[in-house]
Protein backbone atom coordinates (compact mmCIF):
# COMPACT_ATOMS: atom_id res chain seq x y z
CA MET A 1 15.72 32.54 -43.04
CA PRO A 2 12.48 31.25 -41.41
CA ASN A 3 10.25 33.98 -39.99
CA ILE A 4 7.25 34.21 -37.65
CA ASN A 5 4.80 37.09 -37.24
CA ALA A 6 2.64 38.54 -34.48
CA GLY A 7 0.55 35.88 -32.74
CA GLN A 8 2.69 32.99 -33.96
CA ARG A 9 5.02 30.59 -32.17
CA THR A 10 7.40 27.85 -33.25
CA GLY A 11 9.58 25.15 -31.74
CA ILE A 12 13.33 25.18 -32.46
CA ASN A 13 15.93 22.42 -32.07
CA ILE A 14 19.50 23.57 -31.39
CA PRO A 15 22.11 20.81 -31.78
CA ALA A 16 25.12 20.71 -29.46
CA GLY A 17 27.73 23.29 -30.46
CA GLN A 18 25.29 25.29 -32.61
CA VAL A 19 24.18 28.92 -32.21
CA LEU A 20 20.63 30.27 -32.46
CA THR A 21 20.37 33.72 -34.04
CA LEU A 22 17.23 35.86 -33.82
CA ILE A 23 16.69 38.94 -35.98
CA GLY A 24 13.78 41.05 -34.82
CA SER A 25 12.00 43.88 -36.59
CA SER A 26 11.98 47.34 -35.01
CA SER A 27 8.55 46.72 -33.43
CA VAL A 28 9.05 43.15 -32.30
CA THR A 29 8.08 41.88 -28.86
CA GLY A 30 8.04 38.25 -27.81
CA MET A 31 9.65 35.55 -25.71
CA LEU A 32 12.33 32.91 -26.30
CA ARG A 33 12.43 29.89 -24.00
CA ILE A 34 15.30 27.40 -23.96
CA PHE A 35 14.75 24.04 -22.22
CA SER A 36 17.39 21.79 -20.66
CA PRO A 37 17.87 18.41 -22.39
CA ASP A 38 15.61 16.71 -19.82
CA ARG A 39 13.16 19.67 -19.99
CA ALA A 40 13.29 19.92 -16.18
CA ASN A 41 14.56 23.50 -16.34
CA ARG A 42 14.21 26.40 -18.70
CA SER A 43 15.54 29.89 -19.28
CA GLN A 44 13.64 32.68 -20.94
CA THR A 45 14.42 36.08 -22.41
CA ASN A 46 12.54 38.82 -24.20
CA VAL A 47 12.81 39.06 -27.96
CA MET A 48 14.30 42.43 -28.94
CA PRO A 49 14.79 44.36 -32.20
CA GLY A 50 18.03 43.67 -34.02
CA THR A 51 20.29 40.64 -33.91
CA SER A 52 20.68 38.42 -30.82
CA SER A 53 22.58 35.13 -30.57
CA TYR A 54 22.28 32.28 -28.06
CA GLY A 55 24.72 29.39 -27.60
CA PRO A 56 26.68 27.35 -28.34
CA TYR A 57 25.22 24.75 -25.97
CA PRO A 58 27.11 21.68 -24.69
CA ALA A 59 24.21 19.33 -25.54
CA ASP A 60 21.16 19.29 -27.81
CA VAL A 61 18.46 21.63 -26.49
CA ASN A 62 14.99 22.61 -27.61
CA GLY A 63 13.49 26.06 -27.61
CA GLU A 64 10.18 27.79 -28.19
CA LEU A 65 9.98 31.16 -29.93
CA GLN A 66 6.84 33.26 -29.54
CA CYS A 67 6.12 36.56 -31.33
CA TRP A 68 3.61 39.00 -29.83
CA SER A 69 4.09 41.93 -32.23
CA GLY A 70 6.20 42.72 -35.28
CA ASP A 71 8.13 39.79 -36.73
CA VAL A 72 11.30 37.84 -36.01
CA GLY A 73 13.55 35.65 -38.15
CA TYR A 74 15.55 32.75 -36.72
CA ALA A 75 18.42 30.54 -37.81
CA VAL A 76 20.53 27.75 -36.28
CA ALA A 77 24.11 27.51 -37.51
CA ALA A 78 27.68 26.81 -36.44
CA SER A 79 28.13 30.51 -35.67
CA ALA A 80 26.02 33.65 -35.32
CA VAL A 81 24.33 34.86 -38.51
CA PRO A 82 25.61 38.32 -39.50
CA SER A 83 23.18 41.14 -38.87
CA ALA A 84 23.45 42.22 -42.52
CA SER A 85 21.05 39.40 -43.41
CA SER A 86 18.39 40.72 -41.08
CA GLY A 87 16.37 42.69 -43.55
CA LEU A 88 16.22 45.58 -41.06
CA PRO A 89 16.37 49.15 -42.37
CA PRO A 90 19.99 49.90 -43.34
CA GLY A 91 22.07 51.75 -40.77
CA GLY A 92 20.35 52.86 -37.57
CA ASP A 93 20.79 51.26 -34.21
CA ALA A 94 20.50 47.54 -34.96
CA ASP A 95 23.80 47.08 -36.81
CA TYR A 96 25.59 49.46 -34.44
CA ALA A 97 24.30 47.64 -31.37
CA ALA A 98 25.25 44.27 -32.81
CA ALA A 99 28.79 45.52 -33.38
CA VAL A 100 29.02 46.78 -29.80
CA VAL A 101 27.85 43.53 -28.24
CA GLY A 102 29.92 41.48 -30.67
CA ALA A 103 33.04 43.33 -29.58
CA ALA A 104 32.13 42.58 -25.96
CA GLY A 105 32.03 38.84 -26.66
CA ALA A 106 28.45 38.42 -25.49
CA VAL A 107 27.45 35.23 -27.32
CA VAL A 108 26.98 33.05 -24.23
CA PRO A 109 24.29 30.66 -22.96
CA LEU A 110 21.26 32.17 -21.26
CA ARG A 111 21.29 32.10 -17.47
CA ARG A 112 18.40 30.17 -15.94
CA SER A 113 15.95 31.87 -13.60
CA ILE A 114 15.45 30.00 -10.33
CA SER A 115 11.83 31.07 -9.95
CA GLY A 116 10.90 31.13 -13.65
CA LEU A 117 10.62 34.93 -13.61
CA PRO A 118 12.55 37.18 -16.01
CA THR A 119 16.07 37.84 -14.70
CA ALA A 120 17.50 41.28 -13.95
CA MET A 121 20.86 42.81 -13.14
CA ALA A 122 21.69 46.30 -11.89
CA PHE A 123 24.60 48.27 -13.36
CA GLY A 124 26.04 51.62 -12.34
CA ASN A 125 27.76 53.81 -9.77
CA SER A 126 27.69 53.99 -5.96
CA ILE A 127 23.93 54.60 -5.97
CA THR A 128 23.58 51.20 -7.58
CA ALA A 129 26.25 49.76 -5.27
CA GLN A 130 24.20 50.50 -2.16
CA ASN A 131 21.69 47.94 -3.48
CA ARG A 132 24.21 45.10 -3.16
CA ILE A 133 23.39 42.50 -0.52
CA GLY A 134 25.37 43.40 2.59
CA ALA A 135 26.51 46.76 1.18
CA ASN A 136 25.29 49.02 4.00
CA THR A 137 24.25 46.54 6.68
CA VAL A 138 25.06 43.03 7.83
CA ASN A 139 25.95 40.20 5.50
CA GLY A 140 22.89 38.66 3.86
CA SER A 141 20.81 41.84 4.27
CA VAL A 142 19.46 44.49 1.93
CA SER A 143 19.57 48.08 3.15
CA PHE A 144 16.47 50.22 3.51
CA ASP A 145 18.25 52.61 1.12
CA ALA A 146 18.11 50.03 -1.71
CA HIS A 147 15.75 51.81 -4.09
CA LEU A 148 16.03 49.07 -6.75
CA TRP A 149 14.74 46.48 -4.27
CA TRP A 150 11.84 48.82 -3.52
CA ALA A 151 11.19 48.88 -7.27
CA GLN A 152 11.15 45.09 -7.25
CA ALA A 153 8.74 45.03 -4.28
CA LEU A 154 6.38 47.67 -5.66
CA SER A 155 6.31 46.03 -9.09
CA GLY A 156 5.10 42.84 -7.42
CA HIS A 157 8.41 41.04 -7.85
CA ALA A 158 8.22 41.37 -11.65
CA PHE A 159 11.80 40.11 -11.98
CA GLU A 160 14.37 37.98 -10.16
CA TRP A 161 17.89 39.22 -9.47
CA LEU A 162 20.21 37.02 -11.51
CA GLN A 163 22.40 34.90 -9.23
CA THR A 164 26.03 35.73 -10.04
CA GLY A 165 27.50 34.48 -6.76
CA ALA A 166 29.44 36.10 -3.94
CA THR A 167 31.08 39.52 -4.20
CA VAL A 168 33.81 39.75 -6.83
CA GLN A 169 35.98 42.65 -7.92
CA VAL A 170 35.61 43.71 -11.55
CA GLY A 171 38.70 45.37 -13.00
CA ALA A 172 41.52 46.97 -11.07
CA SER A 173 39.54 49.15 -8.66
CA ALA A 174 38.56 47.73 -5.25
CA SER A 175 35.38 49.86 -5.41
CA SER A 176 34.17 48.08 -8.57
CA LEU A 177 32.14 45.14 -7.22
CA LEU A 178 29.55 42.62 -8.42
CA THR A 179 27.30 40.81 -5.91
CA GLN A 180 24.39 38.50 -6.79
CA GLY A 181 23.47 40.33 -9.99
CA ILE A 182 24.08 43.88 -8.73
CA TYR A 183 27.16 45.74 -10.00
CA GLY A 184 28.26 49.10 -8.63
CA TYR A 185 31.45 51.09 -9.19
CA SER A 186 31.62 53.71 -6.42
CA GLY A 187 32.90 57.14 -7.46
CA ALA A 188 33.08 56.20 -11.14
CA THR A 189 31.82 58.01 -14.21
CA SER A 190 29.80 56.30 -16.90
CA VAL A 191 32.96 56.14 -19.02
CA ASP A 192 34.71 54.13 -16.27
CA ILE A 193 31.69 51.92 -15.66
CA TYR A 194 31.09 50.99 -19.29
CA SER A 195 34.73 50.41 -20.25
CA THR A 196 35.49 48.42 -17.08
CA ALA A 197 32.40 46.34 -16.58
CA PHE A 198 29.94 45.99 -19.47
CA ALA A 199 31.60 42.90 -20.97
CA ALA A 200 32.14 41.31 -17.53
CA THR A 201 28.61 41.87 -16.24
CA LEU A 202 25.67 42.63 -18.53
CA ALA A 203 27.24 41.12 -21.64
CA ALA A 204 28.59 38.09 -19.79
CA TYR A 205 25.35 37.16 -18.02
CA ARG A 206 22.68 38.37 -20.48
CA PRO A 207 19.79 39.10 -18.07
CA ASN A 208 16.30 39.86 -19.38
CA TYR A 209 16.42 43.33 -17.85
CA ALA A 210 19.22 45.70 -16.87
CA LEU A 211 18.48 48.49 -14.37
CA ILE A 212 21.09 51.15 -15.19
CA GLN A 213 22.06 54.11 -12.98
CA MET A 214 25.31 55.70 -14.17
CA MET A 215 24.85 59.45 -14.70
CA GLU A 216 25.33 61.15 -11.35
CA ASN A 217 29.16 61.45 -11.23
CA ASP A 218 29.32 62.57 -14.85
CA VAL A 219 27.90 66.02 -14.07
CA THR A 220 30.63 66.98 -11.60
CA GLN A 221 33.44 65.31 -13.56
CA ILE A 222 32.52 67.06 -16.82
CA VAL A 223 32.58 70.41 -15.02
CA ALA A 224 35.93 69.45 -13.45
CA GLY A 225 37.33 68.57 -16.88
CA ALA A 226 37.94 64.88 -16.10
CA ILE A 227 35.67 63.67 -18.93
CA THR A 228 33.70 65.35 -21.71
CA ARG A 229 29.98 65.45 -22.34
CA ALA A 230 30.49 63.53 -25.58
CA GLN A 231 32.32 60.74 -23.74
CA ALA A 232 29.49 60.37 -21.23
CA GLN A 233 26.87 60.31 -23.97
CA THR A 234 28.81 57.64 -25.84
CA ALA A 235 28.92 55.51 -22.68
CA TYR A 236 25.11 55.78 -22.34
CA LEU A 237 24.65 54.89 -26.00
CA ASN A 238 27.03 51.92 -25.86
CA THR A 239 25.38 50.53 -22.72
CA ILE A 240 21.85 50.86 -24.09
CA ALA A 241 22.71 49.59 -27.57
CA GLY A 242 24.77 46.72 -26.21
CA CYS A 243 21.94 45.58 -23.98
CA ILE A 244 19.36 45.67 -26.76
CA ALA A 245 21.63 43.81 -29.18
CA GLN A 246 21.99 40.84 -26.83
CA GLY A 247 18.32 40.62 -25.86
CA THR A 248 18.54 42.53 -22.57
CA ARG A 249 15.95 45.29 -22.16
CA PRO A 250 17.58 48.38 -20.61
CA ILE A 251 15.75 50.24 -17.82
CA PHE A 252 17.72 53.48 -17.66
CA ILE A 253 17.14 55.54 -14.51
CA GLY A 254 17.59 59.28 -14.91
CA CYS A 255 20.03 61.47 -13.03
CA LEU A 256 19.08 62.06 -9.39
CA PRO A 257 19.48 65.58 -7.95
CA SER A 258 22.64 66.10 -5.90
CA LYS A 259 23.85 68.58 -3.32
CA SER A 260 27.07 68.66 -5.35
CA TYR A 261 25.29 70.33 -8.29
CA SER A 262 25.77 73.85 -6.98
CA THR A 263 26.72 75.98 -10.01
CA ALA A 264 25.21 77.03 -13.31
CA ALA A 265 27.75 74.81 -15.08
CA HIS A 266 26.49 71.79 -13.13
CA SER A 267 22.93 72.67 -14.06
CA ALA A 268 23.83 72.97 -17.74
CA GLU A 269 25.49 69.56 -17.81
CA TYR A 270 22.71 67.91 -15.80
CA TRP A 271 20.04 68.98 -18.26
CA ALA A 272 22.18 68.35 -21.34
CA LEU A 273 22.83 64.76 -20.25
CA THR A 274 19.21 64.23 -19.20
CA ASN A 275 17.87 65.57 -22.50
CA TYR A 276 20.28 63.34 -24.42
CA VAL A 277 19.15 60.13 -22.69
CA GLU A 278 15.50 61.12 -23.13
CA SER A 279 16.14 61.62 -26.86
CA LEU A 280 17.35 58.03 -27.19
CA GLN A 281 13.84 56.74 -26.55
CA SER A 282 12.83 57.49 -30.14
CA GLN A 283 15.92 55.71 -31.50
CA TYR A 284 15.52 52.67 -29.23
CA PRO A 285 11.83 51.79 -28.78
CA ASN A 286 12.74 49.03 -26.31
CA LEU A 287 14.57 51.44 -24.02
CA ILE A 288 12.66 52.06 -20.78
CA TYR A 289 13.59 55.49 -19.41
CA VAL A 290 12.67 56.38 -15.81
CA PRO A 291 12.51 60.16 -15.21
CA VAL A 292 13.39 61.17 -11.65
CA SER A 293 14.29 64.86 -11.84
CA ASP A 294 10.82 65.86 -10.57
CA LEU A 295 10.64 63.57 -7.53
CA TYR A 296 12.33 65.68 -4.85
CA THR A 297 14.33 68.39 -6.60
CA ASP A 298 14.19 71.74 -4.80
CA SER A 299 12.29 73.97 -7.22
CA ALA A 300 13.28 77.06 -5.24
CA LEU A 301 16.89 76.66 -6.40
CA THR A 302 18.32 77.29 -9.85
CA THR A 303 20.43 74.12 -9.75
CA PRO A 304 19.19 70.50 -9.53
CA GLN A 305 19.66 69.85 -5.81
CA PRO A 306 17.42 67.71 -3.57
CA LEU A 307 14.97 69.09 -1.04
CA SER A 308 16.85 68.91 2.25
CA SER A 309 15.09 70.79 5.03
CA GLY A 310 12.20 69.98 7.36
CA ILE A 311 10.55 66.69 6.46
CA TYR A 312 12.97 66.33 3.54
CA ALA A 313 16.11 66.50 5.70
CA ASN A 314 16.97 62.83 5.26
CA TYR A 315 15.76 62.19 1.74
CA THR A 316 19.43 61.80 0.75
CA ASP A 317 22.78 61.71 2.48
CA THR A 318 25.14 64.70 2.29
CA SER A 319 25.44 64.35 -1.48
CA VAL A 320 23.19 62.24 -3.75
CA HIS A 321 22.63 58.77 -2.27
CA PRO A 322 18.98 57.97 -1.46
CA LYS A 323 17.96 57.38 2.14
CA VAL A 324 14.32 58.13 3.03
CA ALA A 325 13.77 58.79 -0.70
CA ALA A 326 14.51 55.16 -1.62
CA PRO A 327 10.86 53.91 -1.59
CA LEU A 328 9.82 57.02 -3.53
CA ILE A 329 12.32 56.27 -6.30
CA GLY A 330 11.37 52.60 -6.26
CA ALA A 331 7.70 53.50 -6.70
CA ARG A 332 8.53 55.66 -9.72
CA ILE A 333 10.51 52.83 -11.33
CA ALA A 334 7.66 50.39 -10.64
CA ASP A 335 5.12 52.82 -12.15
CA VAL A 336 7.13 53.11 -15.35
CA LEU A 337 7.58 49.33 -15.54
CA ALA A 338 3.82 48.85 -15.10
CA ALA A 339 3.18 51.28 -17.96
CA CYS A 340 5.40 49.00 -20.10
CA GLY A 341 3.46 45.89 -19.07
CA ILE A 342 6.10 44.68 -16.59
CA ARG A 343 4.27 43.71 -13.41
CA GLY A 344 4.27 40.74 -11.05
CA PHE A 345 2.08 39.66 -8.09
CA GLY A 346 1.35 36.23 -9.60
CA LEU A 347 4.44 34.53 -8.26
CA ILE A 348 4.04 32.94 -4.84
CA PRO A 349 3.47 29.16 -4.68
CA GLY A 350 0.81 28.07 -2.22
CA PRO A 351 -0.58 24.87 -0.63
CA GLY A 352 -0.48 21.97 -3.07
CA ASP A 353 2.73 23.27 -4.63
CA ALA A 354 5.83 21.38 -3.40
CA ARG A 355 7.78 24.66 -3.32
CA PHE A 356 5.55 26.12 -0.59
CA ILE A 357 7.01 24.92 2.72
CA GLY A 358 5.50 27.20 5.37
CA GLY A 359 3.46 30.26 6.32
CA ASN A 360 0.04 31.09 4.94
CA ALA A 361 0.11 31.85 1.23
CA PHE A 362 -3.61 32.65 0.98
CA THR A 363 -4.21 34.16 4.48
CA CYS A 364 -6.79 31.48 5.22
CA GLY A 365 -8.31 30.29 8.48
CA THR A 366 -8.33 31.88 11.95
CA GLY A 367 -6.22 29.37 13.88
CA GLY A 368 -3.20 31.62 14.45
CA THR A 369 -2.07 33.31 17.66
CA ALA A 370 -2.68 36.87 18.88
CA SER A 371 0.08 37.44 21.44
CA ALA A 372 -0.85 39.97 24.18
CA PRO A 373 -1.38 42.89 23.98
CA VAL A 374 -2.63 41.94 20.49
CA THR A 375 -6.29 40.91 20.42
CA GLY A 376 -8.53 39.47 17.71
CA SER A 377 -8.22 36.80 15.02
CA VAL A 378 -5.06 35.68 13.26
CA VAL A 379 -4.77 33.47 10.17
CA ASN A 380 -3.49 29.92 10.43
CA ASN A 381 0.19 29.19 11.17
CA LEU A 382 1.12 32.77 12.10
CA THR A 383 1.59 34.75 15.32
CA ILE A 384 1.14 38.53 15.64
CA ALA A 385 2.87 40.39 18.48
CA ASN A 386 3.85 43.90 19.61
CA ASN A 387 6.31 45.39 22.11
CA MET A 388 5.40 49.10 22.22
CA THR A 389 4.11 50.88 25.30
CA SER A 390 0.39 51.64 25.71
CA ALA A 391 -0.51 50.47 22.21
CA THR A 392 -3.90 49.10 21.23
CA ILE A 393 -3.38 46.33 18.66
CA ALA A 394 -6.37 44.70 16.97
CA ALA A 395 -5.96 41.81 14.53
CA ALA A 396 -8.78 40.64 12.27
CA VAL A 397 -9.21 38.36 9.29
CA VAL A 398 -11.20 40.45 6.79
CA ASN A 399 -12.29 40.66 3.17
CA ALA A 400 -10.13 43.15 1.25
CA ASN A 401 -11.04 43.74 -2.40
CA GLY A 402 -12.55 40.29 -2.69
CA ARG A 403 -9.67 38.46 -1.01
CA GLN A 404 -9.16 37.35 2.56
CA ALA A 405 -6.53 39.42 4.34
CA GLN A 406 -4.92 39.73 7.75
CA ARG A 407 -5.63 43.23 9.04
CA VAL A 408 -3.60 44.71 11.87
CA THR A 409 -4.64 48.05 13.40
CA ILE A 410 -2.32 49.95 15.79
CA SER A 411 -3.26 53.06 17.76
CA ALA A 412 -1.91 55.12 20.67
CA GLY A 413 1.49 53.43 20.77
CA THR A 414 4.74 55.00 22.00
CA SER A 415 8.23 53.69 21.27
CA THR A 416 11.44 53.76 23.28
CA GLY A 417 14.38 52.78 21.12
CA PHE A 418 13.62 50.56 18.16
CA GLN A 419 10.38 48.70 18.86
CA ASN A 420 7.87 47.17 16.52
CA LEU A 421 4.49 48.53 15.62
CA TYR A 422 3.78 44.86 15.12
CA SER A 423 5.53 41.66 14.13
CA GLN A 424 4.23 38.61 12.31
CA PHE A 425 6.06 35.30 12.29
CA THR A 426 5.89 31.52 11.91
CA SER A 427 7.00 28.75 14.22
CA ALA A 428 10.15 26.85 13.27
CA ILE A 429 10.02 24.88 10.02
CA ASN A 430 12.19 21.82 10.57
CA ALA A 431 14.48 20.25 7.98
CA GLY A 432 13.11 17.26 6.15
CA ALA A 433 11.96 15.76 2.89
CA SER A 434 8.84 17.94 2.75
CA SER A 435 10.61 21.19 3.66
CA PHE A 436 14.31 21.66 2.88
CA SER A 437 17.73 20.07 2.71
CA VAL A 438 21.31 21.31 2.39
CA GLY A 439 21.88 23.34 -0.76
CA ASP A 440 18.25 24.33 -1.33
CA ALA A 441 17.45 27.93 -2.36
CA VAL A 442 14.87 29.41 0.02
CA GLN A 443 13.09 32.75 0.26
CA LEU A 444 10.39 34.55 2.28
CA PHE A 445 7.62 36.54 0.56
CA VAL A 446 5.15 38.92 2.22
CA GLU A 447 2.43 40.67 0.22
CA LEU A 448 1.42 43.80 2.10
CA GLU A 449 -0.50 47.05 1.84
CA ILE A 450 -0.45 50.00 4.24
CA ASP A 451 -4.06 51.18 4.50
CA SER A 452 -4.31 54.77 3.25
CA THR A 453 -7.61 55.38 5.09
CA VAL A 454 -5.94 55.19 8.53
CA ASN A 455 -3.45 57.80 9.74
CA LEU A 456 0.10 56.39 9.64
CA THR A 457 2.49 57.80 12.23
CA GLY A 458 5.82 56.77 13.67
CA LEU A 459 6.73 54.13 11.06
CA ARG A 460 10.50 53.64 10.82
CA ASP A 461 10.85 50.76 8.37
CA LEU A 462 9.52 47.41 7.19
CA THR A 463 11.86 44.44 7.63
CA LEU A 464 11.67 40.80 6.54
CA GLU A 465 13.89 38.11 8.02
CA LEU A 466 14.38 34.47 7.13
CA ALA A 467 16.37 32.98 10.00
CA HIS A 468 18.40 29.78 9.56
CA THR A 469 18.87 27.82 12.81
CA GLY A 470 22.33 26.25 12.87
CA GLY A 471 24.51 26.14 9.78
CA ALA A 472 26.58 29.04 8.51
CA VAL A 473 23.95 31.52 7.27
CA THR A 474 23.15 34.76 9.10
CA PRO A 475 19.48 35.84 8.89
CA TYR A 476 18.64 37.01 5.38
CA GLN A 477 16.86 40.32 5.73
CA MET A 478 15.21 42.87 3.47
CA PHE A 479 15.15 46.62 4.15
CA LYS A 480 17.15 46.33 7.35
CA LYS A 481 17.94 49.83 8.53
CA ALA A 482 21.17 50.43 10.43
CA ASN A 483 20.58 51.34 14.09
CA ALA A 484 22.37 54.66 13.54
CA ASP A 485 19.63 55.70 11.09
CA THR A 486 17.11 57.32 13.40
CA PHE A 487 15.11 59.22 10.81
CA ASP A 488 11.43 58.55 10.16
CA THR A 489 10.37 56.79 6.99
CA ILE A 490 7.78 58.92 5.28
CA THR A 491 7.83 57.78 1.65
CA ILE A 492 6.69 54.13 1.84
CA PRO A 493 3.54 54.30 -0.32
CA THR A 494 0.18 53.76 1.35
CA GLY A 495 -2.86 52.32 -0.39
CA ARG A 496 -0.59 50.31 -2.65
CA LYS A 497 0.17 46.61 -2.68
CA MET A 498 3.81 45.54 -2.46
CA LEU A 499 5.46 42.13 -2.54
CA LEU A 500 8.47 42.10 -0.22
CA ALA A 501 11.03 39.31 -0.49
CA THR A 502 14.23 38.40 1.31
CA PRO A 503 17.32 37.75 -0.82
CA LEU A 504 17.61 34.16 -1.99
CA SER A 505 19.63 32.12 0.52
CA ALA A 506 21.13 28.65 0.27
CA VAL A 507 20.68 26.21 3.14
CA THR A 508 24.07 25.26 4.60
CA ALA A 509 25.20 22.12 6.42
CA GLY A 510 24.02 22.01 10.04
CA THR A 511 20.79 23.96 9.44
CA THR A 512 18.00 22.35 11.45
CA ALA A 513 15.15 24.84 10.94
CA LEU A 514 13.95 27.95 9.12
CA ARG A 515 11.82 30.64 10.70
CA ALA A 516 10.23 33.65 9.00
CA PHE A 517 9.58 37.09 10.52
CA PHE A 518 8.03 40.38 9.36
CA TYR A 519 8.53 43.56 11.41
CA ALA A 520 6.96 47.00 11.08
CA TYR A 521 9.31 49.03 13.27
CA ALA A 522 8.36 52.24 15.03
CA SER A 523 10.60 55.29 14.91
CA GLN A 524 13.13 55.73 17.68
CA ASN A 525 11.46 57.37 20.70
CA ALA A 526 8.20 57.96 18.81
CA ALA A 527 5.67 60.01 20.74
CA ALA A 528 2.88 58.34 18.78
CA ALA A 529 2.71 55.34 16.52
CA SER A 530 -0.35 54.21 14.60
CA GLY A 531 -1.48 52.70 11.33
CA GLN A 532 -3.34 49.87 9.65
CA PHE A 533 -1.78 47.09 7.58
CA LEU A 534 -3.30 44.47 5.27
CA ASN A 535 -1.30 41.29 4.69
CA THR A 536 -2.57 39.01 1.90
CA LYS A 537 0.31 36.49 1.64
CA PHE A 538 3.06 35.21 3.94
CA SER A 539 4.97 32.40 2.28
CA ILE A 540 8.27 30.55 2.74
CA VAL A 541 9.32 29.11 -0.62
CA ASN A 542 11.89 26.46 -1.51
CA TRP A 543 12.74 27.06 -5.17
CA SER A 544 14.81 23.87 -5.34
CA LYS A 545 11.74 21.66 -5.09
CA THR A 546 9.71 20.58 -8.11
CA ASN A 547 6.09 19.51 -8.51
């Protein structure tokens, strides 16, 4: 079997109907890219330890294999090469993982990324489910409570949610749903989730990354006698091993504290399960584990319950689901990803790139509009406005860390109902050859930082909206908070850059224009609202265009 080592790369031809098998050493890292026959499109996936297979493909394709560390063997044949020929240490996780993924029937073509970024799926219980598009708010919108989207934003959009289509039911339960790359099975244990959905989701689509959150219901159900600790641990092992075997890197999020964990028995199971998952890191070097037990657990209690009084009253709902805590959890996930070298911020196309169709990708110029009571300078193509009472709003184009930025400073504002600290938006972008046509995949990106040197008060949420005029698409929004949620947002990190993005939306027939909006909303009936924001990019992107 041919082999390449650290720092090497090689081209590979895969004839129609053939299967490419990779066999990586325990320390391997690298990238496999597969190109379409016309080389107009490509898919890419991380190289992982153990055996991974790709294909068969309906036509001849070419690939490029790159090894960054360790070594990886490769072979093209009529079927997958058995893992026994890998030369890996006998036993251990590689053969076991290959058997798991083989049983799941996971030898399928790679799914192409629309943006060229690594693809990701989310997999788990109702905490994962609340990240589905439209789960807690209107169709086309992502809830403020979507901690995995906050992780995506705070990692600089280091991955793209894999596009799996509209909501579908997985298995017999109506609460087991997959939407646009995010799978959640509400009320289920890890045993239910793995046995029902692994083959139909992670193994069927083979994303680069899988964000996994499946522990929370296990604690109560083990104590109730519905499942055993050993069964839950096996489900974690199977999910992690199955992901690694097929080339998907698992990002396993620890067990969040819950108000349902009220007894010593709950505490014992919580820590036993947590310690078990943590122990798997030595067995699976490519496992990324995200610890969360220290984020907002009430240390005054003897059981792992969330802080829930005073400023912490709305960190979660009445049990375990994140609310105000969502950005805090997202920041922790992003921090762990950054420590593993997974970080974005280099994504957004700008002027000169056919995919950039509107906004101001580099915050350049001063030809924009400051709408009263806003005063000062605004970058080209954008308008900044405000509708609070008695607020002083100053806009300025400034240098921030060597880059031009749009600064917005708000002071002495009061809010009645749901009003904005400030809004930033474009004029209508009309349909046409240079902008968009029916079927195109479009998205709004805003790169933003909340200035930590200025006191932030009265912030309720941050919301993006990409409105489609005409057609059949409701505005696609990110972090839209339901009007019934009146609590303040106190965990959005300050002094930290984030790259917010609306869900991908397809232009439908009848659409005549697109228009992009960013809102920083004030809390309901805020006695005071103030803060300073730095915006370094505001870009409407059409991923269906090519240069």
